[in-house]
Amino acid sequence: SLIILVIINLTGIYIAFRRSASYKFYTAALFHQGKSIDYASILNITPRKDFWDKLFKTYSVNLGNDFHLRNISQEIEIQNYLQQLINYARSQQH
């Protein structure tokens, strides 16, 4: 049973790393797996944690329009960075 637990943990870490490494932050929008969201349309950057996030010490952010940042390490505080990108995008629109 210990071997199965180790395999499950390693698989979870591998999947989390693969999914989180593919976010592309550009000047006007955020891209992930063929989907994009403009920073100016983001309304929420509040982090959320579920059972799995607590287990793996990660969190997720629902940016709206069915666009989520998932499997972010608790050591990374992405809210300030996102807020700066949102403020910049909104200032460029006016």
C-alpha atoms as a PDB file:
ATOM      1  CA  SER A   1       0.000   0.000   0.000  1.00  0.00           C
ATOM      2  CA  LEU A   2       2.938   2.359   0.594  1.00  0.00           C
ATOM      3  CA  ILE A   3       4.142   1.821  -2.975  1.00  0.00           C
ATOM      4  CA  ILE A   4       0.676   2.650  -4.332  1.00  0.00           C
ATOM      5  CA  LEU A   5       0.578   5.820  -2.225  1.00  0.00           C
ATOM      6  CA  VAL A   6       3.997   6.903  -3.524  1.00  0.00           C
ATOM      7  CA  ILE A   7       2.908   6.244  -7.121  1.00  0.00           C
ATOM      8  CA  ILE A   8      -0.281   8.282  -6.630  1.00  0.00           C
ATOM      9  CA  ASN A   9       1.680  11.190  -5.120  1.00  0.00           C
ATOM     10  CA  LEU A  10       4.283  11.173  -7.887  1.00  0.00           C
ATOM     11  CA  THR A  11       1.553  11.036 -10.525  1.00  0.00           C
ATOM     12  CA  GLY A  12      -0.238  13.985  -8.912  1.00  0.00           C
ATOM     13  CA  ILE A  13       2.956  16.018  -8.767  1.00  0.00           C
ATOM     14  CA  TYR A  14       3.753  15.225 -12.399  1.00  0.00           C
ATOM     15  CA  ILE A  15       0.263  16.203 -13.587  1.00  0.00           C
ATOM     16  CA  ALA A  16       0.302  19.409 -11.530  1.00  0.00           C
ATOM     17  CA  PHE A  17       3.692  20.398 -12.915  1.00  0.00           C
ATOM     18  CA  ARG A  18       2.669  19.711 -16.529  1.00  0.00           C
ATOM     19  CA  ARG A  19      -0.539  21.718 -16.254  1.00  0.00           C
ATOM     20  CA  SER A  20       0.878  24.680 -14.360  1.00  0.00           C
ATOM     21  CA  ALA A  21       3.943  25.064 -16.574  1.00  0.00           C
ATOM     22  CA  SER A  22       1.896  25.875 -19.664  1.00  0.00           C
ATOM     23  CA  TYR A  23       0.469  29.265 -18.650  1.00  0.00           C
ATOM     24  CA  LYS A  24       1.709  32.107 -20.874  1.00  0.00           C
ATOM     25  CA  PHE A  25       1.511  35.640 -19.472  1.00  0.00           C
ATOM     26  CA  TYR A  26       1.536  38.302 -22.198  1.00  0.00           C
ATOM     27  CA  THR A  27       0.971  42.051 -22.075  1.00  0.00           C
ATOM     28  CA  ALA A  28      -2.752  41.983 -22.882  1.00  0.00           C
ATOM     29  CA  ALA A  29      -3.890  38.431 -22.153  1.00  0.00           C
ATOM     30  CA  LEU A  30      -3.194  35.138 -20.429  1.00  0.00           C
ATOM     31  CA  PHE A  31      -3.036  31.933 -22.514  1.00  0.00           C
ATOM     32  CA  HIS A  32      -3.398  28.296 -21.456  1.00  0.00           C
ATOM     33  CA  GLN A  33      -4.014  25.232 -23.639  1.00  0.00           C
ATOM     34  CA  GLY A  34      -5.496  27.172 -26.555  1.00  0.00           C
ATOM     35  CA  LYS A  35      -7.722  29.371 -24.376  1.00  0.00           C
ATOM     36  CA  SER A  36      -7.119  33.001 -23.523  1.00  0.00           C
ATOM     37  CA  ILE A  37      -8.523  35.696 -21.270  1.00  0.00           C
ATOM     38  CA  ASP A  38      -7.905  39.432 -21.490  1.00  0.00           C
ATOM     39  CA  TYR A  39      -6.640  40.949 -18.263  1.00  0.00           C
ATOM     40  CA  ALA A  40      -9.202  43.753 -18.494  1.00  0.00           C
ATOM     41  CA  SER A  41     -12.043  41.207 -18.278  1.00  0.00           C
ATOM     42  CA  ILE A  42     -10.740  39.536 -15.086  1.00  0.00           C
ATOM     43  CA  LEU A  43     -12.948  40.370 -12.124  1.00  0.00           C
ATOM     44  CA  ASN A  44     -11.722  37.966  -9.447  1.00  0.00           C
ATOM     45  CA  ILE A  45      -8.218  37.005  -8.314  1.00  0.00           C
ATOM     46  CA  THR A  46      -9.149  35.487  -4.970  1.00  0.00           C
ATOM     47  CA  PRO A  47      -7.326  32.207  -4.263  1.00  0.00           C
ATOM     48  CA  ARG A  48      -9.331  29.078  -3.470  1.00  0.00           C
ATOM     49  CA  LYS A  49      -8.293  25.791  -1.878  1.00  0.00           C
ATOM     50  CA  ASP A  50     -10.021  22.436  -1.984  1.00  0.00           C
ATOM     51  CA  PHE A  51      -9.064  19.165  -0.345  1.00  0.00           C
ATOM     52  CA  TRP A  52      -6.440  18.314  -2.984  1.00  0.00           C
ATOM     53  CA  ASP A  53      -4.923  21.800  -2.820  1.00  0.00           C
ATOM     54  CA  LYS A  54      -4.494  21.455   0.931  1.00  0.00           C
ATOM     55  CA  LEU A  55      -2.941  18.020   0.462  1.00  0.00           C
ATOM     56  CA  PHE A  56      -0.430  19.187  -2.177  1.00  0.00           C
ATOM     57  CA  LYS A  57       0.018  22.712  -0.732  1.00  0.00           C
ATOM     58  CA  THR A  58      -1.327  24.463  -3.805  1.00  0.00           C
ATOM     59  CA  TYR A  59      -4.235  26.767  -4.635  1.00  0.00           C
ATOM     60  CA  SER A  60      -6.266  27.844  -7.642  1.00  0.00           C
ATOM     61  CA  VAL A  61      -7.724  31.117  -8.914  1.00  0.00           C
ATOM     62  CA  ASN A  62     -10.965  31.360 -10.901  1.00  0.00           C
ATOM     63  CA  LEU A  63     -10.454  34.293 -13.263  1.00  0.00           C
ATOM     64  CA  GLY A  64     -13.947  34.061 -14.760  1.00  0.00           C
ATOM     65  CA  ASN A  65     -15.202  32.960 -18.174  1.00  0.00           C
ATOM     66  CA  ASP A  66     -14.371  29.339 -17.258  1.00  0.00           C
ATOM     67  CA  PHE A  67     -10.652  30.192 -17.036  1.00  0.00           C
ATOM     68  CA  HIS A  68      -8.766  28.903 -13.998  1.00  0.00           C
ATOM     69  CA  LEU A  69      -5.196  29.060 -12.786  1.00  0.00           C
ATOM     70  CA  ARG A  70      -4.683  25.745 -11.030  1.00  0.00           C
ATOM     71  CA  ASN A  71      -2.016  23.965  -9.039  1.00  0.00           C
ATOM     72  CA  ILE A  72      -0.181  27.119  -7.995  1.00  0.00           C
ATOM     73  CA  SER A  73       2.304  26.493  -5.208  1.00  0.00           C
ATOM     74  CA  GLN A  74       1.468  28.194  -1.915  1.00  0.00           C
ATOM     75  CA  GLU A  75       4.945  29.696  -1.988  1.00  0.00           C
ATOM     76  CA  ILE A  76       4.014  31.748  -5.071  1.00  0.00           C
ATOM     77  CA  GLU A  77       1.783  34.747  -4.436  1.00  0.00           C
ATOM     78  CA  ILE A  78       0.416  35.475  -7.878  1.00  0.00           C
ATOM     79  CA  GLN A  79      -2.342  37.895  -6.830  1.00  0.00           C
ATOM     80  CA  ASN A  80      -0.086  40.979  -6.806  1.00  0.00           C
ATOM     81  CA  TYR A  81       1.350  40.106 -10.225  1.00  0.00           C
ATOM     82  CA  LEU A  82      -2.121  39.561 -11.690  1.00  0.00           C
ATOM     83  CA  GLN A  83      -3.364  42.832 -10.184  1.00  0.00           C
ATOM     84  CA  GLN A  84      -0.486  44.726 -11.798  1.00  0.00           C
ATOM     85  CA  LEU A  85      -1.266  43.137 -15.182  1.00  0.00           C
ATOM     86  CA  ILE A  86      -4.972  43.948 -14.807  1.00  0.00           C
ATOM     87  CA  ASN A  87      -4.253  47.569 -13.859  1.00  0.00           C
ATOM     88  CA  TYR A  88      -1.874  47.964 -16.799  1.00  0.00           C
ATOM     89  CA  ALA A  89      -4.355  46.452 -19.285  1.00  0.00           C
ATOM     90  CA  ARG A  90      -7.172  48.676 -18.043  1.00  0.00           C
ATOM     91  CA  SER A  91      -5.001  51.795 -18.205  1.00  0.00           C
ATOM     92  CA  GLN A  92      -4.123  51.004 -21.831  1.00  0.00           C
ATOM     93  CA  GLN A  93      -7.804  50.787 -22.813  1.00  0.00           C
ATOM     94  CA  HIS A  94      -8.580  54.400 -21.912  1.00  0.00           C
END
